[in-house]
Amino acid sequence: MDLRAALQPAAIGDIVTRAGECAGIEMRFTGHSPCRGLATSSRMKGHDQIVIAKQGGWAPHSKVLAGYLEVVDQREDNALLGVL
């Protein structure tokens, strides 16, 4: 079995969503959640957008990534700090 074919983005999203449901987490997690979590955690560790883009596979000046970081930069504390 070719795992690259089996683990397409939609399949990974389904796995993440089901894992959250099985864990009894009321908030709905999606395949998008780990991406945003990576950006959030990395920014809170003090990394700049270029470093975070390399870590997560975004273009260096991604508007989507910039939007994630804008939200993080507006927070002084984050409930997920240290979780990821």
N, C-alpha and C. Protein backbone atom coordinates (compact mmCIF):
# COMPACT_ATOMS: atom_id res chain seq x y z
N MET A 1 0.84 -1.18 0.00
CA MET A 1 0.00 0.00 0.00
C MET A 1 0.89 1.25 0.00
N ASP A 2 0.60 2.18 -0.87
CA ASP A 2 1.35 3.43 -0.95
C ASP A 2 0.75 4.41 0.05
N LEU A 3 1.46 4.67 1.16
CA LEU A 3 0.94 5.56 2.20
C LEU A 3 0.79 6.99 1.71
N ARG A 4 1.63 7.39 0.76
CA ARG A 4 1.49 8.76 0.23
C ARG A 4 0.14 8.94 -0.43
N ALA A 5 -0.34 7.91 -1.09
CA ALA A 5 -1.65 8.00 -1.74
C ALA A 5 -2.76 7.96 -0.69
N ALA A 6 -2.56 7.17 0.38
CA ALA A 6 -3.59 7.02 1.40
C ALA A 6 -3.70 8.25 2.29
N LEU A 7 -2.62 8.95 2.51
CA LEU A 7 -2.63 10.07 3.44
C LEU A 7 -2.68 11.41 2.70
N GLN A 8 -3.72 11.58 1.95
CA GLN A 8 -3.98 12.85 1.29
C GLN A 8 -4.51 13.84 2.34
N PRO A 9 -4.46 15.14 2.06
CA PRO A 9 -4.91 16.12 3.05
C PRO A 9 -6.30 15.85 3.63
N ALA A 10 -7.24 15.44 2.81
CA ALA A 10 -8.59 15.17 3.33
C ALA A 10 -8.58 14.01 4.32
N ALA A 11 -7.79 12.97 4.04
CA ALA A 11 -7.72 11.81 4.93
C ALA A 11 -7.08 12.21 6.26
N ILE A 12 -6.05 13.02 6.21
CA ILE A 12 -5.40 13.48 7.44
C ILE A 12 -6.36 14.34 8.25
N GLY A 13 -7.11 15.19 7.56
CA GLY A 13 -8.11 16.00 8.24
C GLY A 13 -9.14 15.13 8.95
N ASP A 14 -9.58 14.06 8.29
CA ASP A 14 -10.55 13.14 8.91
C ASP A 14 -9.96 12.48 10.15
N ILE A 15 -8.69 12.09 10.08
CA ILE A 15 -8.03 11.45 11.23
C ILE A 15 -7.97 12.41 12.41
N VAL A 16 -7.57 13.66 12.15
CA VAL A 16 -7.46 14.65 13.22
C VAL A 16 -8.84 14.92 13.83
N THR A 17 -9.84 15.06 12.99
CA THR A 17 -11.20 15.32 13.49
C THR A 17 -11.70 14.17 14.35
N ARG A 18 -11.53 12.93 13.85
CA ARG A 18 -11.98 11.76 14.62
C ARG A 18 -11.22 11.61 15.93
N ALA A 19 -9.92 11.91 15.91
CA ALA A 19 -9.12 11.80 17.14
C ALA A 19 -9.64 12.77 18.20
N GLY A 20 -9.97 13.99 17.79
CA GLY A 20 -10.53 14.97 18.73
C GLY A 20 -11.85 14.51 19.29
N GLU A 21 -12.70 13.96 18.43
CA GLU A 21 -14.00 13.46 18.89
C GLU A 21 -13.81 12.30 19.87
N CYS A 22 -12.93 11.37 19.54
CA CYS A 22 -12.68 10.21 20.42
C CYS A 22 -12.11 10.63 21.77
N ALA A 23 -11.36 11.71 21.77
CA ALA A 23 -10.77 12.22 23.01
C ALA A 23 -11.79 12.99 23.84
N GLY A 24 -12.98 13.20 23.28
CA GLY A 24 -14.02 13.92 24.01
C GLY A 24 -13.82 15.43 24.04
N ILE A 25 -13.03 15.93 23.12
CA ILE A 25 -12.80 17.38 23.05
C ILE A 25 -14.01 18.03 22.39
N GLU A 26 -14.60 18.99 23.07
CA GLU A 26 -15.82 19.61 22.55
C GLU A 26 -15.56 20.48 21.33
N MET A 27 -14.39 21.13 21.29
CA MET A 27 -14.03 21.95 20.13
C MET A 27 -13.74 21.01 18.96
N ARG A 28 -14.20 21.36 17.78
CA ARG A 28 -13.99 20.51 16.60
C ARG A 28 -12.62 20.79 16.00
N PHE A 29 -11.74 19.79 16.04
CA PHE A 29 -10.45 19.89 15.39
C PHE A 29 -10.56 19.43 13.96
N THR A 30 -9.75 20.03 13.09
CA THR A 30 -9.72 19.65 11.68
C THR A 30 -8.27 19.47 11.26
N GLY A 31 -8.05 19.10 10.01
CA GLY A 31 -6.69 18.98 9.49
C GLY A 31 -5.97 20.32 9.50
N HIS A 32 -6.73 21.38 9.55
CA HIS A 32 -6.19 22.74 9.60
C HIS A 32 -5.61 23.06 10.98
N SER A 33 -6.11 22.40 12.01
CA SER A 33 -5.72 22.71 13.39
C SER A 33 -4.22 22.55 13.65
N PRO A 34 -3.57 21.45 13.21
CA PRO A 34 -2.13 21.34 13.47
C PRO A 34 -1.31 22.43 12.76
N CYS A 35 -1.75 22.86 11.60
CA CYS A 35 -1.03 23.93 10.88
C CYS A 35 -1.08 25.22 11.68
N ARG A 36 -2.25 25.55 12.11
CA ARG A 36 -2.41 26.78 12.90
C ARG A 36 -1.68 26.64 14.23
N GLY A 37 -1.74 25.46 14.81
CA GLY A 37 -1.04 25.22 16.07
C GLY A 37 0.46 25.36 15.93
N LEU A 38 1.02 24.86 14.83
CA LEU A 38 2.45 25.01 14.59
C LEU A 38 2.82 26.49 14.52
N ALA A 39 2.05 27.25 13.76
CA ALA A 39 2.33 28.68 13.61
C ALA A 39 2.22 29.40 14.96
N THR A 40 1.20 29.07 15.72
CA THR A 40 0.98 29.70 17.02
C THR A 40 2.13 29.39 17.97
N SER A 41 2.45 28.11 18.10
CA SER A 41 3.49 27.69 19.02
C SER A 41 4.85 28.28 18.65
N SER A 42 5.17 28.24 17.37
CA SER A 42 6.45 28.76 16.92
C SER A 42 6.57 30.27 17.15
N ARG A 43 5.49 30.99 16.89
CA ARG A 43 5.50 32.45 17.10
C ARG A 43 5.69 32.76 18.57
N MET A 44 5.01 31.99 19.43
CA MET A 44 5.12 32.23 20.87
C MET A 44 6.52 31.92 21.39
N LYS A 45 7.27 31.13 20.64
CA LYS A 45 8.67 30.86 20.98
C LYS A 45 9.59 31.95 20.44
N GLY A 46 9.01 32.94 19.72
CA GLY A 46 9.77 34.07 19.26
C GLY A 46 10.28 34.01 17.83
N HIS A 47 9.85 33.01 17.06
CA HIS A 47 10.31 32.90 15.68
C HIS A 47 9.60 33.90 14.77
N ASP A 48 10.33 34.34 13.73
CA ASP A 48 9.72 35.28 12.78
C ASP A 48 8.99 34.51 11.68
N GLN A 49 8.27 35.26 10.85
CA GLN A 49 7.42 34.64 9.83
C GLN A 49 8.21 33.78 8.85
N ILE A 50 9.42 34.18 8.49
CA ILE A 50 10.21 33.43 7.52
C ILE A 50 10.56 32.05 8.09
N VAL A 51 10.98 32.00 9.34
CA VAL A 51 11.32 30.72 9.99
C VAL A 51 10.08 29.84 10.09
N ILE A 52 8.97 30.42 10.50
CA ILE A 52 7.73 29.66 10.66
C ILE A 52 7.26 29.13 9.31
N ALA A 53 7.39 29.94 8.27
CA ALA A 53 7.00 29.51 6.93
C ALA A 53 7.81 28.28 6.51
N LYS A 54 9.10 28.30 6.78
CA LYS A 54 9.94 27.14 6.45
C LYS A 54 9.51 25.91 7.24
N GLN A 55 9.20 26.09 8.51
CA GLN A 55 8.79 24.96 9.35
C GLN A 55 7.49 24.33 8.85
N GLY A 56 6.55 25.16 8.42
CA GLY A 56 5.23 24.67 8.07
C GLY A 56 4.94 24.51 6.59
N GLY A 57 5.89 24.87 5.76
CA GLY A 57 5.70 24.70 4.33
C GLY A 57 4.90 25.81 3.65
N TRP A 58 4.79 26.95 4.31
CA TRP A 58 4.11 28.09 3.70
C TRP A 58 5.10 28.87 2.83
N ALA A 59 4.59 29.66 1.91
CA ALA A 59 5.42 30.61 1.19
C ALA A 59 5.93 31.64 2.20
N PRO A 60 7.13 32.19 2.02
CA PRO A 60 7.69 33.10 3.02
C PRO A 60 6.80 34.29 3.38
N HIS A 61 6.01 34.76 2.46
CA HIS A 61 5.16 35.92 2.73
C HIS A 61 3.68 35.57 2.58
N SER A 62 3.33 34.36 3.01
CA SER A 62 1.96 33.86 2.92
C SER A 62 0.99 34.76 3.69
N LYS A 63 -0.09 35.14 3.03
CA LYS A 63 -1.12 35.96 3.68
C LYS A 63 -1.86 35.15 4.74
N VAL A 64 -2.05 33.86 4.48
CA VAL A 64 -2.72 33.00 5.47
C VAL A 64 -1.88 32.93 6.74
N LEU A 65 -0.59 32.65 6.59
CA LEU A 65 0.29 32.59 7.75
C LEU A 65 0.33 33.94 8.47
N ALA A 66 0.41 35.03 7.73
CA ALA A 66 0.43 36.35 8.35
C ALA A 66 -0.83 36.58 9.19
N GLY A 67 -1.96 36.07 8.71
CA GLY A 67 -3.21 36.19 9.47
C GLY A 67 -3.15 35.42 10.78
N TYR A 68 -2.58 34.20 10.75
CA TYR A 68 -2.42 33.42 11.98
C TYR A 68 -1.55 34.18 12.98
N LEU A 69 -0.45 34.71 12.47
CA LEU A 69 0.50 35.38 13.35
C LEU A 69 -0.06 36.67 13.91
N GLU A 70 -0.89 37.34 13.15
CA GLU A 70 -1.52 38.57 13.65
C GLU A 70 -2.38 38.25 14.87
N VAL A 71 -3.11 37.16 14.81
CA VAL A 71 -3.95 36.76 15.94
C VAL A 71 -3.07 36.43 17.15
N VAL A 72 -1.99 35.67 16.91
CA VAL A 72 -1.08 35.30 18.01
C VAL A 72 -0.46 36.55 18.63
N ASP A 73 -0.04 37.47 17.79
CA ASP A 73 0.61 38.67 18.28
C ASP A 73 -0.33 39.54 19.11
N GLN A 74 -1.63 39.37 18.97
CA GLN A 74 -2.59 40.16 19.74
C GLN A 74 -2.85 39.55 21.12
N ARG A 75 -2.38 38.33 21.32
CA ARG A 75 -2.62 37.65 22.60
C ARG A 75 -1.41 37.80 23.52
N GLU A 76 -1.67 37.94 24.78
CA GLU A 76 -0.56 37.95 25.73
C GLU A 76 -0.41 36.60 26.39
N ASP A 77 -1.50 35.85 26.47
CA ASP A 77 -1.39 34.49 26.99
C ASP A 77 -2.24 33.60 26.09
N ASN A 78 -1.90 32.34 26.07
CA ASN A 78 -2.56 31.39 25.18
C ASN A 78 -2.78 30.10 25.95
N ALA A 79 -4.00 29.58 25.90
CA ALA A 79 -4.32 28.36 26.64
C ALA A 79 -3.52 27.16 26.17
N LEU A 80 -3.00 27.20 24.94
CA LEU A 80 -2.24 26.07 24.41
C LEU A 80 -0.74 26.18 24.61
N LEU A 81 -0.27 27.21 25.26
CA LEU A 81 1.15 27.39 25.50
C LEU A 81 1.71 26.18 26.22
N GLY A 82 2.70 25.54 25.66
CA GLY A 82 3.32 24.38 26.26
C GLY A 82 2.65 23.07 25.93
N VAL A 83 1.50 23.10 25.28
CA VAL A 83 0.78 21.88 24.93
C VAL A 83 1.37 21.23 23.69
N LEU A 84 1.71 22.03 22.70
CA LEU A 84 2.22 21.50 21.43
C LEU A 84 3.71 21.36 21.47
